[in-house]
Amino acid sequence: MNKIFRIDGSFVKNKQKTEFIKEVPANSKDRALERLYSELGSKHAVKRNLIQINDIEEIKPEEAEDPKIRALAEDE
């Protein structure tokens, strides 16, 4: 069963700082970070060295704010 991690951070693109909070299903913190880097890189064309992570925490499935993530956790 996958755990759910809430990642809080920011990235810089075109000299603008963008903050984010993202919920990611993964088996470990390292996998969650890897998935986050991959998603931000593909969707926003941001290099990994421009992404700053402020906090990463494991949350319970019922605490997930993203309905897709919550549904994914309930299916398992």
PDB file of N, CA and C in Angstrom:
ATOM      1  N   MET A   1       0.834  -1.193   0.000  1.00  0.00           N
ATOM      2  CA  MET A   1       0.000   0.000   0.000  1.00  0.00           C
ATOM      3  C   MET A   1       0.872   1.247   0.000  1.00  0.00           C
ATOM      4  N   ASN A   2       0.532   2.178  -0.853  1.00  0.00           N
ATOM      5  CA  ASN A   2       1.267   3.437  -0.920  1.00  0.00           C
ATOM      6  C   ASN A   2       0.914   4.340   0.246  1.00  0.00           C
ATOM      7  N   LYS A   3       1.907   5.074   0.685  1.00  0.00           N
ATOM      8  CA  LYS A   3       1.697   6.112   1.674  1.00  0.00           C
ATOM      9  C   LYS A   3       1.423   7.398   0.900  1.00  0.00           C
ATOM     10  N   ILE A   4       0.934   8.410   1.582  1.00  0.00           N
ATOM     11  CA  ILE A   4       0.706   9.700   0.937  1.00  0.00           C
ATOM     12  C   ILE A   4       1.574  10.734   1.635  1.00  0.00           C
ATOM     13  N   PHE A   5       2.315  11.495   0.839  1.00  0.00           N
ATOM     14  CA  PHE A   5       3.188  12.537   1.374  1.00  0.00           C
ATOM     15  C   PHE A   5       2.707  13.898   0.893  1.00  0.00           C
ATOM     16  N   ARG A   6       2.712  14.865   1.793  1.00  0.00           N
ATOM     17  CA  ARG A   6       2.394  16.245   1.440  1.00  0.00           C
ATOM     18  C   ARG A   6       3.722  16.999   1.404  1.00  0.00           C
ATOM     19  N   ILE A   7       4.014  17.570   0.238  1.00  0.00           N
ATOM     20  CA  ILE A   7       5.288  18.260   0.028  1.00  0.00           C
ATOM     21  C   ILE A   7       5.010  19.741  -0.161  1.00  0.00           C
ATOM     22  N   ASP A   8       5.699  20.547   0.632  1.00  0.00           N
ATOM     23  CA  ASP A   8       5.564  22.003   0.605  1.00  0.00           C
ATOM     24  C   ASP A   8       6.887  22.574   0.092  1.00  0.00           C
ATOM     25  N   GLY A   9       6.811  23.448  -0.900  1.00  0.00           N
ATOM     26  CA  GLY A   9       8.038  24.008  -1.441  1.00  0.00           C
ATOM     27  C   GLY A   9       7.772  25.141  -2.406  1.00  0.00           C
ATOM     28  N   SER A  10       8.808  25.459  -3.185  1.00  0.00           N
ATOM     29  CA  SER A  10       8.702  26.540  -4.167  1.00  0.00           C
ATOM     30  C   SER A  10       9.691  26.272  -5.293  1.00  0.00           C
ATOM     31  N   PHE A  11       9.457  26.950  -6.410  1.00  0.00           N
ATOM     32  CA  PHE A  11      10.416  26.899  -7.519  1.00  0.00           C
ATOM     33  C   PHE A  11      10.443  28.250  -8.202  1.00  0.00           C
ATOM     34  N   VAL A  12      11.529  28.483  -8.921  1.00  0.00           N
ATOM     35  CA  VAL A  12      11.716  29.748  -9.622  1.00  0.00           C
ATOM     36  C   VAL A  12      11.677  29.482 -11.118  1.00  0.00           C
ATOM     37  N   LYS A  13      10.827  30.261 -11.810  1.00  0.00           N
ATOM     38  CA  LYS A  13      10.751  30.175 -13.263  1.00  0.00           C
ATOM     39  C   LYS A  13      10.523  31.578 -13.797  1.00  0.00           C
ATOM     40  N   ASN A  14      11.303  31.968 -14.768  1.00  0.00           N
ATOM     41  CA  ASN A  14      11.238  33.311 -15.352  1.00  0.00           C
ATOM     42  C   ASN A  14      11.333  34.392 -14.272  1.00  0.00           C
ATOM     43  N   LYS A  15      12.253  34.176 -13.326  1.00  0.00           N
ATOM     44  CA  LYS A  15      12.522  35.112 -12.228  1.00  0.00           C
ATOM     45  C   LYS A  15      11.321  35.320 -11.305  1.00  0.00           C
ATOM     46  N   GLN A  16      10.354  34.415 -11.358  1.00  0.00           N
ATOM     47  CA  GLN A  16       9.207  34.475 -10.464  1.00  0.00           C
ATOM     48  C   GLN A  16       9.211  33.247  -9.564  1.00  0.00           C
ATOM     49  N   LYS A  17       8.999  33.481  -8.290  1.00  0.00           N
ATOM     50  CA  LYS A  17       8.944  32.389  -7.324  1.00  0.00           C
ATOM     51  C   LYS A  17       7.496  31.910  -7.202  1.00  0.00           C
ATOM     52  N   THR A  18       7.300  30.608  -7.351  1.00  0.00           N
ATOM     53  CA  THR A  18       5.980  29.999  -7.241  1.00  0.00           C
ATOM     54  C   THR A  18       6.005  28.995  -6.100  1.00  0.00           C
ATOM     55  N   GLU A  19       5.085  29.157  -5.151  1.00  0.00           N
ATOM     56  CA  GLU A  19       5.000  28.227  -4.038  1.00  0.00           C
ATOM     57  C   GLU A  19       3.958  27.154  -4.345  1.00  0.00           C
ATOM     58  N   PHE A  20       4.148  25.971  -3.770  1.00  0.00           N
ATOM     59  CA  PHE A  20       3.220  24.873  -4.028  1.00  0.00           C
ATOM     60  C   PHE A  20       3.092  23.985  -2.793  1.00  0.00           C
ATOM     61  N   ILE A  21       1.978  23.289  -2.732  1.00  0.00           N
ATOM     62  CA  ILE A  21       1.763  22.191  -1.791  1.00  0.00           C
ATOM     63  C   ILE A  21       1.198  21.056  -2.637  1.00  0.00           C
ATOM     64  N   LYS A  22       1.897  19.935  -2.661  1.00  0.00           N
ATOM     65  CA  LYS A  22       1.528  18.824  -3.534  1.00  0.00           C
ATOM     66  C   LYS A  22       1.419  17.550  -2.712  1.00  0.00           C
ATOM     67  N   GLU A  23       0.377  16.778  -2.961  1.00  0.00           N
ATOM     68  CA  GLU A  23       0.208  15.486  -2.324  1.00  0.00           C
ATOM     69  C   GLU A  23       0.592  14.398  -3.320  1.00  0.00           C
ATOM     70  N   VAL A  24       1.476  13.501  -2.868  1.00  0.00           N
ATOM     71  CA  VAL A  24       2.042  12.496  -3.769  1.00  0.00           C
ATOM     72  C   VAL A  24       1.953  11.117  -3.125  1.00  0.00           C
ATOM     73  N   PRO A  25       1.372  10.135  -3.813  1.00  0.00           N
ATOM     74  CA  PRO A  25       1.411   8.763  -3.295  1.00  0.00           C
ATOM     75  C   PRO A  25       2.752   8.120  -3.644  1.00  0.00           C
ATOM     76  N   ALA A  26       3.375   7.485  -2.652  1.00  0.00           N
ATOM     77  CA  ALA A  26       4.667   6.831  -2.877  1.00  0.00           C
ATOM     78  C   ALA A  26       4.951   5.887  -1.718  1.00  0.00           C
ATOM     79  N   ASN A  27       5.956   5.035  -1.888  1.00  0.00           N
ATOM     80  CA  ASN A  27       6.338   4.087  -0.842  1.00  0.00           C
ATOM     81  C   ASN A  27       7.268   4.712   0.192  1.00  0.00           C
ATOM     82  N   SER A  28       8.022   5.761  -0.193  1.00  0.00           N
ATOM     83  CA  SER A  28       8.980   6.383   0.717  1.00  0.00           C
ATOM     84  C   SER A  28       9.127   7.867   0.380  1.00  0.00           C
ATOM     85  N   LYS A  29       9.784   8.596   1.264  1.00  0.00           N
ATOM     86  CA  LYS A  29      10.015  10.028   1.028  1.00  0.00           C
ATOM     87  C   LYS A  29      10.849  10.247  -0.227  1.00  0.00           C
ATOM     88  N   ASP A  30      11.858   9.399  -0.403  1.00  0.00           N
ATOM     89  CA  ASP A  30      12.728   9.547  -1.576  1.00  0.00           C
ATOM     90  C   ASP A  30      11.946   9.366  -2.875  1.00  0.00           C
ATOM     91  N   ARG A  31      11.069   8.374  -2.909  1.00  0.00           N
ATOM     92  CA  ARG A  31      10.244   8.143  -4.107  1.00  0.00           C
ATOM     93  C   ARG A  31       9.269   9.295  -4.333  1.00  0.00           C
ATOM     94  N   ALA A  32       8.724   9.833  -3.241  1.00  0.00           N
ATOM     95  CA  ALA A  32       7.800  10.966  -3.347  1.00  0.00           C
ATOM     96  C   ALA A  32       8.520  12.183  -3.928  1.00  0.00           C
ATOM     97  N   LEU A  33       9.735  12.442  -3.453  1.00  0.00           N
ATOM     98  CA  LEU A  33      10.501  13.569  -3.992  1.00  0.00           C
ATOM     99  C   LEU A  33      10.836  13.359  -5.460  1.00  0.00           C
ATOM    100  N   GLU A  34      11.225  12.157  -5.803  1.00  0.00           N
ATOM    101  CA  GLU A  34      11.562  11.844  -7.197  1.00  0.00           C
ATOM    102  C   GLU A  34      10.357  12.069  -8.107  1.00  0.00           C
ATOM    103  N   ARG A  35       9.188  11.649  -7.643  1.00  0.00           N
ATOM    104  CA  ARG A  35       7.964  11.836  -8.430  1.00  0.00           C
ATOM    105  C   ARG A  35       7.619  13.318  -8.563  1.00  0.00           C
ATOM    106  N   LEU A  36       7.796  14.062  -7.476  1.00  0.00           N
ATOM    107  CA  LEU A  36       7.530  15.503  -7.512  1.00  0.00           C
ATOM    108  C   LEU A  36       8.451  16.198  -8.518  1.00  0.00           C
ATOM    109  N   TYR A  37       9.750  15.897  -8.449  1.00  0.00           N
ATOM    110  CA  TYR A  37      10.700  16.496  -9.396  1.00  0.00           C
ATOM    111  C   TYR A  37      10.307  16.176 -10.833  1.00  0.00           C
ATOM    112  N   SER A  38       9.889  14.950 -11.064  1.00  0.00           N
ATOM    113  CA  SER A  38       9.494  14.523 -12.402  1.00  0.00           C
ATOM    114  C   SER A  38       8.261  15.292 -12.885  1.00  0.00           C
ATOM    115  N   GLU A  39       7.242  15.393 -12.019  1.00  0.00           N
ATOM    116  CA  GLU A  39       6.014  16.092 -12.407  1.00  0.00           C
ATOM    117  C   GLU A  39       6.249  17.579 -12.659  1.00  0.00           C
ATOM    118  N   LEU A  40       6.965  18.242 -11.754  1.00  0.00           N
ATOM    119  CA  LEU A  40       7.217  19.674 -11.942  1.00  0.00           C
ATOM    120  C   LEU A  40       8.092  19.920 -13.164  1.00  0.00           C
ATOM    121  N   GLY A  41       9.050  19.032 -13.385  1.00  0.00           N
ATOM    122  CA  GLY A  41       9.909  19.177 -14.554  1.00  0.00           C
ATOM    123  C   GLY A  41       9.140  19.048 -15.855  1.00  0.00           C
ATOM    124  N   SER A  42       8.198  18.127 -15.903  1.00  0.00           N
ATOM    125  CA  SER A  42       7.462  17.929 -17.146  1.00  0.00           C
ATOM    126  C   SER A  42       6.361  18.965 -17.345  1.00  0.00           C
ATOM    127  N   LYS A  43       5.663  19.330 -16.277  1.00  0.00           N
ATOM    128  CA  LYS A  43       4.546  20.269 -16.415  1.00  0.00           C
ATOM    129  C   LYS A  43       4.987  21.727 -16.498  1.00  0.00           C
ATOM    130  N   HIS A  44       6.067  22.082 -15.776  1.00  0.00           N
ATOM    131  CA  HIS A  44       6.472  23.484 -15.707  1.00  0.00           C
ATOM    132  C   HIS A  44       7.858  23.743 -16.294  1.00  0.00           C
ATOM    133  N   ALA A  45       8.508  22.716 -16.800  1.00  0.00           N
ATOM    134  CA  ALA A  45       9.847  22.829 -17.385  1.00  0.00           C
ATOM    135  C   ALA A  45      10.821  23.486 -16.412  1.00  0.00           C
ATOM    136  N   VAL A  46      10.810  22.985 -15.168  1.00  0.00           N
ATOM    137  CA  VAL A  46      11.678  23.515 -14.118  1.00  0.00           C
ATOM    138  C   VAL A  46      12.766  22.494 -13.823  1.00  0.00           C
ATOM    139  N   LYS A  47      14.000  22.951 -13.773  1.00  0.00           N
ATOM    140  CA  LYS A  47      15.109  22.063 -13.442  1.00  0.00           C
ATOM    141  C   LYS A  47      15.109  21.781 -11.943  1.00  0.00           C
ATOM    142  N   ARG A  48      15.627  20.614 -11.588  1.00  0.00           N
ATOM    143  CA  ARG A  48      15.612  20.183 -10.191  1.00  0.00           C
ATOM    144  C   ARG A  48      16.332  21.150  -9.255  1.00  0.00           C
ATOM    145  N   ASN A  49      17.400  21.772  -9.730  1.00  0.00           N
ATOM    146  CA  ASN A  49      18.146  22.673  -8.846  1.00  0.00           C
ATOM    147  C   ASN A  49      17.392  23.977  -8.563  1.00  0.00           C
ATOM    148  N   LEU A  50      16.286  24.225  -9.251  1.00  0.00           N
ATOM    149  CA  LEU A  50      15.475  25.417  -9.006  1.00  0.00           C
ATOM    150  C   LEU A  50      14.270  25.119  -8.118  1.00  0.00           C
ATOM    151  N   ILE A  51      14.127  23.855  -7.704  1.00  0.00           N
ATOM    152  CA  ILE A  51      13.025  23.462  -6.826  1.00  0.00           C
ATOM    153  C   ILE A  51      13.555  23.378  -5.399  1.00  0.00           C
ATOM    154  N   GLN A  52      12.912  24.108  -4.494  1.00  0.00           N
ATOM    155  CA  GLN A  52      13.307  24.100  -3.091  1.00  0.00           C
ATOM    156  C   GLN A  52      12.197  23.436  -2.280  1.00  0.00           C
ATOM    157  N   ILE A  53      12.559  22.430  -1.495  1.00  0.00           N
ATOM    158  CA  ILE A  53      11.595  21.724  -0.646  1.00  0.00           C
ATOM    159  C   ILE A  53      11.689  22.304   0.761  1.00  0.00           C
ATOM    160  N   ASN A  54      10.550  22.782   1.296  1.00  0.00           N
ATOM    161  CA  ASN A  54      10.520  23.328   2.652  1.00  0.00           C
ATOM    162  C   ASN A  54      10.130  22.271   3.667  1.00  0.00           C
ATOM    163  N   ASP A  55       9.184  21.394   3.309  1.00  0.00           N
ATOM    164  CA  ASP A  55       8.704  20.400   4.259  1.00  0.00           C
ATOM    165  C   ASP A  55       8.119  19.213   3.502  1.00  0.00           C
ATOM    166  N   ILE A  56       8.313  18.029   4.064  1.00  0.00           N
ATOM    167  CA  ILE A  56       7.698  16.828   3.518  1.00  0.00           C
ATOM    168  C   ILE A  56       7.210  16.006   4.705  1.00  0.00           C
ATOM    169  N   GLU A  57       5.924  15.624   4.665  1.00  0.00           N
ATOM    170  CA  GLU A  57       5.363  14.860   5.767  1.00  0.00           C
ATOM    171  C   GLU A  57       4.424  13.784   5.238  1.00  0.00           C
ATOM    172  N   GLU A  58       4.382  12.670   5.955  1.00  0.00           N
ATOM    173  CA  GLU A  58       3.448  11.612   5.611  1.00  0.00           C
ATOM    174  C   GLU A  58       2.099  11.960   6.235  1.00  0.00           C
ATOM    175  N   ILE A  59       1.022  11.795   5.460  1.00  0.00           N
ATOM    176  CA  ILE A  59      -0.311  12.095   5.960  1.00  0.00           C
ATOM    177  C   ILE A  59      -1.199  10.861   5.830  1.00  0.00           C
ATOM    178  N   LYS A  60      -2.285  10.860   6.561  1.00  0.00           N
ATOM    179  CA  LYS A  60      -3.264   9.777   6.456  1.00  0.00           C
ATOM    180  C   LYS A  60      -4.098  10.009   5.202  1.00  0.00           C
ATOM    181  N   PRO A  61      -4.592   8.943   4.573  1.00  0.00           N
ATOM    182  CA  PRO A  61      -5.395   9.106   3.348  1.00  0.00           C
ATOM    183  C   PRO A  61      -6.592  10.034   3.520  1.00  0.00           C
ATOM    184  N   GLU A  62      -7.241  10.005   4.679  1.00  0.00           N
ATOM    185  CA  GLU A  62      -8.412  10.867   4.883  1.00  0.00           C
ATOM    186  C   GLU A  62      -8.039  12.343   5.044  1.00  0.00           C
ATOM    187  N   GLU A  63      -6.751  12.644   5.262  1.00  0.00           N
ATOM    188  CA  GLU A  63      -6.295  14.030   5.366  1.00  0.00           C
ATOM    189  C   GLU A  63      -5.993  14.640   3.999  1.00  0.00           C
ATOM    190  N   ALA A  64      -5.933  13.836   2.969  1.00  0.00           N
ATOM    191  CA  ALA A  64      -5.601  14.320   1.626  1.00  0.00           C
ATOM    192  C   ALA A  64      -6.684  15.275   1.130  1.00  0.00           C
ATOM    193  N   GLU A  65      -6.248  16.418   0.624  1.00  0.00           N
ATOM    194  CA  GLU A  65      -7.185  17.413   0.106  1.00  0.00           C
ATOM    195  C   GLU A  65      -7.529  17.163  -1.358  1.00  0.00           C
ATOM    196  N   ASP A  66      -6.627  16.521  -2.076  1.00  0.00           N
ATOM    197  CA  ASP A  66      -6.848  16.217  -3.486  1.00  0.00           C
ATOM    198  C   ASP A  66      -7.779  15.006  -3.601  1.00  0.00           C
ATOM    199  N   PRO A  67      -8.965  15.160  -4.192  1.00  0.00           N
ATOM    200  CA  PRO A  67      -9.910  14.040  -4.270  1.00  0.00           C
ATOM    201  C   PRO A  67      -9.371  12.843  -5.054  1.00  0.00           C
ATOM    202  N   LYS A  68      -8.532  13.060  -6.038  1.00  0.00           N
ATOM    203  CA  LYS A  68      -7.961  11.959  -6.808  1.00  0.00           C
ATOM    204  C   LYS A  68      -7.034  11.104  -5.931  1.00  0.00           C
ATOM    205  N   ILE A  69      -6.232  11.768  -5.117  1.00  0.00           N
ATOM    206  CA  ILE A  69      -5.314  11.068  -4.224  1.00  0.00           C
ATOM    207  C   ILE A  69      -6.115  10.306  -3.164  1.00  0.00           C
ATOM    208  N   ARG A  70      -7.140  10.942  -2.624  1.00  0.00           N
ATOM    209  CA  ARG A  70      -7.971  10.305  -1.599  1.00  0.00           C
ATOM    210  C   ARG A  70      -8.650   9.064  -2.179  1.00  0.00           C
ATOM    211  N   ALA A  71      -9.184   9.159  -3.382  1.00  0.00           N
ATOM    212  CA  ALA A  71      -9.844   8.025  -4.035  1.00  0.00           C
ATOM    213  C   ALA A  71      -8.850   6.908  -4.314  1.00  0.00           C
ATOM    214  N   LEU A  72      -7.658   7.261  -4.703  1.00  0.00           N
ATOM    215  CA  LEU A  72      -6.618   6.280  -4.970  1.00  0.00           C
ATOM    216  C   LEU A  72      -6.310   5.492  -3.703  1.00  0.00           C
ATOM    217  N   ALA A  73      -6.223   6.184  -2.570  1.00  0.00           N
ATOM    218  CA  ALA A  73      -5.909   5.528  -1.307  1.00  0.00           C
ATOM    219  C   ALA A  73      -7.069   4.644  -0.837  1.00  0.00           C
ATOM    220  N   GLU A  74      -8.300   5.044  -1.114  1.00  0.00           N
ATOM    221  CA  GLU A  74      -9.461   4.264  -0.687  1.00  0.00           C
ATOM    222  C   GLU A  74      -9.605   2.983  -1.495  1.00  0.00           C
ATOM    223  N   ASP A  75      -9.126   2.985  -2.740  1.00  0.00           N
ATOM    224  CA  ASP A  75      -9.225   1.802  -3.592  1.00  0.00           C
ATOM    225  C   ASP A  75      -8.355   0.663  -3.096  1.00  0.00           C
ATOM    226  N   GLU A  76      -7.301   0.977  -2.378  1.00  0.00           N
ATOM    227  CA  GLU A  76      -6.351  -0.051  -1.933  1.00  0.00           C
ATOM    228  C   GLU A  76      -6.792  -0.724  -0.672  1.00  0.00           C
TER     229      GLU A  76
END
